[in-house]
Amino acid sequence: MAERYIVGEESRPCLPRHVKLRHDKTRDAWILLAPERVLVPDETAIEIVRSCDGVKTIAVIVDDLAERYAADREVIGTDVKAMLQDLADKGFLINGAD
């Protein structure tokens, strides 16, 4: 069994090779597509997932979002880490630094 990926400020998350971010014309929505699984994240989640390139740390992603939306960094950080941890736990996200 693989070790659980714990999302933290210095994590550099990215999609694993078997997961694709695609626009589904039928649903007219962005989806995360994995073998035998489909996830339909909301617009905010899609924006965050697009930032997960395996290079940027979560701290950088949160800073960018806090600045862009003039929002409290701590609140955004908590929400972003929770969402990314959920994706990691479901196998839709890995640490790009590994």
N, C-alpha and C. Protein backbone atom coordinates (compact mmCIF):
# COMPACT_ATOMS: atom_id res chain seq x y z
N MET A 1 0.84 -1.18 0.00
CA MET A 1 0.00 0.00 0.00
C MET A 1 0.88 1.24 0.00
N ALA A 2 0.57 2.20 -0.84
CA ALA A 2 1.35 3.42 -0.95
C ALA A 2 1.17 4.29 0.29
N GLU A 3 2.22 5.03 0.61
CA GLU A 3 2.16 5.94 1.74
C GLU A 3 1.25 7.12 1.40
N ARG A 4 0.48 7.56 2.38
CA ARG A 4 -0.47 8.67 2.18
C ARG A 4 0.32 9.96 1.94
N TYR A 5 -0.07 10.68 0.92
CA TYR A 5 0.51 11.99 0.60
C TYR A 5 -0.17 13.03 1.47
N ILE A 6 0.59 13.66 2.35
CA ILE A 6 0.07 14.70 3.23
C ILE A 6 0.39 16.05 2.62
N VAL A 7 -0.64 16.82 2.35
CA VAL A 7 -0.49 18.13 1.74
C VAL A 7 -0.06 19.15 2.80
N GLY A 8 0.98 19.91 2.48
CA GLY A 8 1.46 20.96 3.38
C GLY A 8 1.90 22.18 2.58
N GLU A 9 2.24 23.23 3.26
CA GLU A 9 2.62 24.50 2.63
C GLU A 9 3.73 24.34 1.58
N GLU A 10 4.68 23.45 1.83
CA GLU A 10 5.81 23.29 0.90
C GLU A 10 5.61 22.18 -0.13
N SER A 11 4.45 21.54 -0.09
CA SER A 11 4.14 20.52 -1.09
C SER A 11 4.08 21.15 -2.48
N ARG A 12 4.43 20.38 -3.47
CA ARG A 12 4.37 20.81 -4.88
C ARG A 12 3.45 19.87 -5.63
N PRO A 13 2.14 20.04 -5.45
CA PRO A 13 1.19 19.08 -5.99
C PRO A 13 1.07 19.12 -7.51
N CYS A 14 0.73 17.97 -8.07
CA CYS A 14 0.44 17.87 -9.51
C CYS A 14 -0.45 16.66 -9.73
N LEU A 15 -1.00 16.60 -10.92
CA LEU A 15 -1.83 15.44 -11.29
C LEU A 15 -0.91 14.29 -11.67
N PRO A 16 -1.23 13.08 -11.24
CA PRO A 16 -0.45 11.93 -11.69
C PRO A 16 -0.71 11.69 -13.18
N ARG A 17 0.14 10.92 -13.82
CA ARG A 17 0.03 10.66 -15.27
C ARG A 17 -1.32 10.10 -15.68
N HIS A 18 -1.92 9.31 -14.82
CA HIS A 18 -3.19 8.66 -15.18
C HIS A 18 -4.41 9.56 -14.99
N VAL A 19 -4.23 10.77 -14.49
CA VAL A 19 -5.35 11.70 -14.27
C VAL A 19 -5.23 12.86 -15.26
N LYS A 20 -6.32 13.17 -15.92
CA LYS A 20 -6.34 14.25 -16.93
C LYS A 20 -7.41 15.27 -16.57
N LEU A 21 -7.08 16.53 -16.77
CA LEU A 21 -8.04 17.62 -16.65
C LEU A 21 -8.55 17.88 -18.06
N ARG A 22 -9.84 17.67 -18.27
CA ARG A 22 -10.43 17.80 -19.60
C ARG A 22 -11.74 18.59 -19.53
N HIS A 23 -12.05 19.24 -20.64
CA HIS A 23 -13.36 19.88 -20.74
C HIS A 23 -14.29 18.87 -21.40
N ASP A 24 -15.37 18.55 -20.70
CA ASP A 24 -16.35 17.59 -21.20
C ASP A 24 -17.45 18.38 -21.91
N LYS A 25 -17.52 18.22 -23.23
CA LYS A 25 -18.50 18.96 -24.03
C LYS A 25 -19.93 18.57 -23.67
N THR A 26 -20.15 17.31 -23.35
CA THR A 26 -21.49 16.85 -23.01
C THR A 26 -22.01 17.55 -21.75
N ARG A 27 -21.16 17.63 -20.75
CA ARG A 27 -21.54 18.28 -19.49
C ARG A 27 -21.32 19.79 -19.53
N ASP A 28 -20.55 20.25 -20.53
CA ASP A 28 -20.08 21.62 -20.61
C ASP A 28 -19.44 22.02 -19.28
N ALA A 29 -18.53 21.14 -18.84
CA ALA A 29 -17.86 21.34 -17.56
C ALA A 29 -16.46 20.73 -17.62
N TRP A 30 -15.57 21.26 -16.79
CA TRP A 30 -14.25 20.67 -16.64
C TRP A 30 -14.36 19.47 -15.72
N ILE A 31 -13.63 18.42 -16.06
CA ILE A 31 -13.64 17.20 -15.24
C ILE A 31 -12.22 16.73 -14.99
N LEU A 32 -12.06 15.99 -13.92
CA LEU A 32 -10.83 15.25 -13.68
C LEU A 32 -11.16 13.81 -14.03
N LEU A 33 -10.41 13.29 -14.98
CA LEU A 33 -10.69 11.96 -15.52
C LEU A 33 -9.56 11.01 -15.13
N ALA A 34 -9.93 9.93 -14.48
CA ALA A 34 -8.99 8.88 -14.10
C ALA A 34 -9.60 7.55 -14.54
N PRO A 35 -8.79 6.50 -14.61
CA PRO A 35 -9.36 5.21 -15.01
C PRO A 35 -10.58 4.85 -14.16
N GLU A 36 -11.71 4.68 -14.83
CA GLU A 36 -12.97 4.28 -14.23
C GLU A 36 -13.52 5.26 -13.19
N ARG A 37 -13.02 6.51 -13.21
CA ARG A 37 -13.52 7.51 -12.27
C ARG A 37 -13.56 8.87 -12.96
N VAL A 38 -14.57 9.65 -12.60
CA VAL A 38 -14.71 11.02 -13.10
C VAL A 38 -15.09 11.90 -11.92
N LEU A 39 -14.43 13.03 -11.82
CA LEU A 39 -14.75 13.99 -10.77
C LEU A 39 -15.08 15.31 -11.46
N VAL A 40 -16.17 15.96 -11.03
CA VAL A 40 -16.60 17.22 -11.62
C VAL A 40 -16.44 18.32 -10.57
N PRO A 41 -15.24 18.90 -10.48
CA PRO A 41 -14.99 19.95 -9.49
C PRO A 41 -15.68 21.26 -9.88
N ASP A 42 -15.90 22.13 -8.89
CA ASP A 42 -16.47 23.43 -9.19
C ASP A 42 -15.39 24.35 -9.78
N GLU A 43 -15.79 25.54 -10.21
CA GLU A 43 -14.87 26.46 -10.89
C GLU A 43 -13.67 26.83 -10.03
N THR A 44 -13.89 27.04 -8.75
CA THR A 44 -12.79 27.39 -7.85
C THR A 44 -11.79 26.25 -7.76
N ALA A 45 -12.28 25.04 -7.61
CA ALA A 45 -11.40 23.87 -7.53
C ALA A 45 -10.60 23.71 -8.82
N ILE A 46 -11.23 23.95 -9.96
CA ILE A 46 -10.53 23.84 -11.24
C ILE A 46 -9.40 24.86 -11.31
N GLU A 47 -9.66 26.08 -10.86
CA GLU A 47 -8.62 27.11 -10.85
C GLU A 47 -7.43 26.68 -10.00
N ILE A 48 -7.70 26.08 -8.86
CA ILE A 48 -6.63 25.62 -7.97
C ILE A 48 -5.89 24.45 -8.62
N VAL A 49 -6.61 23.49 -9.18
CA VAL A 49 -5.98 22.33 -9.81
C VAL A 49 -5.08 22.76 -10.97
N ARG A 50 -5.50 23.75 -11.72
CA ARG A 50 -4.67 24.26 -12.82
C ARG A 50 -3.35 24.83 -12.31
N SER A 51 -3.33 25.30 -11.08
CA SER A 51 -2.10 25.85 -10.50
C SER A 51 -1.16 24.75 -10.01
N CYS A 52 -1.66 23.54 -9.89
CA CYS A 52 -0.88 22.42 -9.37
C CYS A 52 -0.04 21.82 -10.49
N ASP A 53 1.13 22.41 -10.70
CA ASP A 53 2.00 22.01 -11.81
C ASP A 53 3.21 21.21 -11.37
N GLY A 54 3.31 20.90 -10.07
CA GLY A 54 4.45 20.15 -9.57
C GLY A 54 5.66 21.02 -9.29
N VAL A 55 5.56 22.30 -9.60
CA VAL A 55 6.65 23.25 -9.38
C VAL A 55 6.27 24.23 -8.27
N LYS A 56 5.09 24.83 -8.38
CA LYS A 56 4.63 25.79 -7.38
C LYS A 56 4.29 25.08 -6.08
N THR A 57 4.69 25.68 -4.98
CA THR A 57 4.29 25.14 -3.68
C THR A 57 2.87 25.59 -3.37
N ILE A 58 2.27 24.92 -2.43
CA ILE A 58 0.93 25.32 -2.01
C ILE A 58 0.98 26.73 -1.42
N ALA A 59 2.07 27.07 -0.74
CA ALA A 59 2.21 28.42 -0.19
C ALA A 59 2.13 29.47 -1.30
N VAL A 60 2.77 29.23 -2.42
CA VAL A 60 2.74 30.16 -3.56
C VAL A 60 1.33 30.23 -4.15
N ILE A 61 0.69 29.09 -4.29
CA ILE A 61 -0.68 29.04 -4.83
C ILE A 61 -1.62 29.83 -3.93
N VAL A 62 -1.52 29.63 -2.62
CA VAL A 62 -2.38 30.34 -1.67
C VAL A 62 -2.10 31.84 -1.69
N ASP A 63 -0.82 32.21 -1.72
CA ASP A 63 -0.46 33.64 -1.79
C ASP A 63 -1.08 34.29 -3.02
N ASP A 64 -0.99 33.60 -4.15
CA ASP A 64 -1.55 34.12 -5.40
C ASP A 64 -3.06 34.31 -5.29
N LEU A 65 -3.74 33.31 -4.76
CA LEU A 65 -5.20 33.40 -4.62
C LEU A 65 -5.60 34.50 -3.63
N ALA A 66 -4.89 34.61 -2.52
CA ALA A 66 -5.20 35.64 -1.52
C ALA A 66 -5.03 37.03 -2.11
N GLU A 67 -3.98 37.20 -2.92
CA GLU A 67 -3.76 38.50 -3.56
C GLU A 67 -4.80 38.78 -4.63
N ARG A 68 -5.06 37.79 -5.46
CA ARG A 68 -6.01 37.96 -6.57
C ARG A 68 -7.42 38.29 -6.08
N TYR A 69 -7.83 37.67 -4.98
CA TYR A 69 -9.19 37.87 -4.48
C TYR A 69 -9.26 38.78 -3.26
N ALA A 70 -8.13 39.40 -2.90
CA ALA A 70 -8.06 40.29 -1.73
C ALA A 70 -8.76 39.64 -0.53
N ALA A 71 -8.35 38.42 -0.25
CA ALA A 71 -8.97 37.64 0.81
C ALA A 71 -7.93 37.26 1.86
N ASP A 72 -8.40 36.85 3.02
CA ASP A 72 -7.53 36.46 4.11
C ASP A 72 -6.76 35.19 3.74
N ARG A 73 -5.43 35.28 3.81
CA ARG A 73 -4.58 34.17 3.41
C ARG A 73 -4.82 32.92 4.25
N GLU A 74 -5.02 33.09 5.54
CA GLU A 74 -5.21 31.95 6.42
C GLU A 74 -6.49 31.18 6.06
N VAL A 75 -7.55 31.90 5.77
CA VAL A 75 -8.82 31.26 5.40
C VAL A 75 -8.66 30.52 4.08
N ILE A 76 -8.07 31.20 3.09
CA ILE A 76 -7.86 30.55 1.79
C ILE A 76 -6.94 29.35 1.94
N GLY A 77 -5.87 29.50 2.72
CA GLY A 77 -4.93 28.39 2.91
C GLY A 77 -5.58 27.16 3.50
N THR A 78 -6.43 27.36 4.48
CA THR A 78 -7.13 26.24 5.11
C THR A 78 -8.02 25.53 4.09
N ASP A 79 -8.77 26.31 3.32
CA ASP A 79 -9.68 25.73 2.32
C ASP A 79 -8.91 25.00 1.21
N VAL A 80 -7.85 25.64 0.72
CA VAL A 80 -7.07 25.05 -0.38
C VAL A 80 -6.42 23.74 0.08
N LYS A 81 -5.80 23.74 1.24
CA LYS A 81 -5.16 22.52 1.74
C LYS A 81 -6.17 21.40 1.96
N ALA A 82 -7.35 21.74 2.48
CA ALA A 82 -8.38 20.72 2.70
C ALA A 82 -8.84 20.13 1.37
N MET A 83 -9.07 20.99 0.37
CA MET A 83 -9.52 20.50 -0.93
C MET A 83 -8.44 19.63 -1.59
N LEU A 84 -7.18 20.09 -1.55
CA LEU A 84 -6.11 19.33 -2.17
C LEU A 84 -5.85 18.02 -1.43
N GLN A 85 -6.00 18.02 -0.11
CA GLN A 85 -5.84 16.77 0.64
C GLN A 85 -6.92 15.77 0.24
N ASP A 86 -8.14 16.26 0.05
CA ASP A 86 -9.24 15.39 -0.39
C ASP A 86 -8.91 14.78 -1.76
N LEU A 87 -8.42 15.60 -2.68
CA LEU A 87 -8.03 15.08 -4.00
C LEU A 87 -6.89 14.07 -3.89
N ALA A 88 -5.92 14.36 -3.04
CA ALA A 88 -4.79 13.44 -2.85
C ALA A 88 -5.28 12.11 -2.28
N ASP A 89 -6.18 12.19 -1.31
CA ASP A 89 -6.69 10.96 -0.69
C ASP A 89 -7.48 10.10 -1.68
N LYS A 90 -8.06 10.75 -2.69
CA LYS A 90 -8.82 10.02 -3.71
C LYS A 90 -7.93 9.58 -4.89
N GLY A 91 -6.64 9.92 -4.84
CA GLY A 91 -5.71 9.50 -5.89
C GLY A 91 -5.65 10.43 -7.08
N PHE A 92 -6.23 11.62 -6.97
CA PHE A 92 -6.23 12.58 -8.07
C PHE A 92 -5.07 13.56 -8.02
N LEU A 93 -4.19 13.43 -7.02
CA LEU A 93 -3.12 14.39 -6.83
C LEU A 93 -1.92 13.69 -6.19
N ILE A 94 -0.73 14.07 -6.64
CA ILE A 94 0.51 13.55 -6.05
C ILE A 94 1.45 14.72 -5.77
N ASN A 95 2.52 14.43 -5.07
CA ASN A 95 3.55 15.44 -4.81
C ASN A 95 4.52 15.45 -5.97
N GLY A 96 4.59 16.56 -6.67
CA GLY A 96 5.47 16.67 -7.84
C GLY A 96 6.94 16.66 -7.47
N ALA A 97 7.28 16.91 -6.21
CA ALA A 97 8.68 16.94 -5.78
C ALA A 97 9.26 15.54 -5.66
N ASP A 98 8.42 14.53 -5.62
CA ASP A 98 8.91 13.14 -5.48
C ASP A 98 9.47 12.60 -6.78
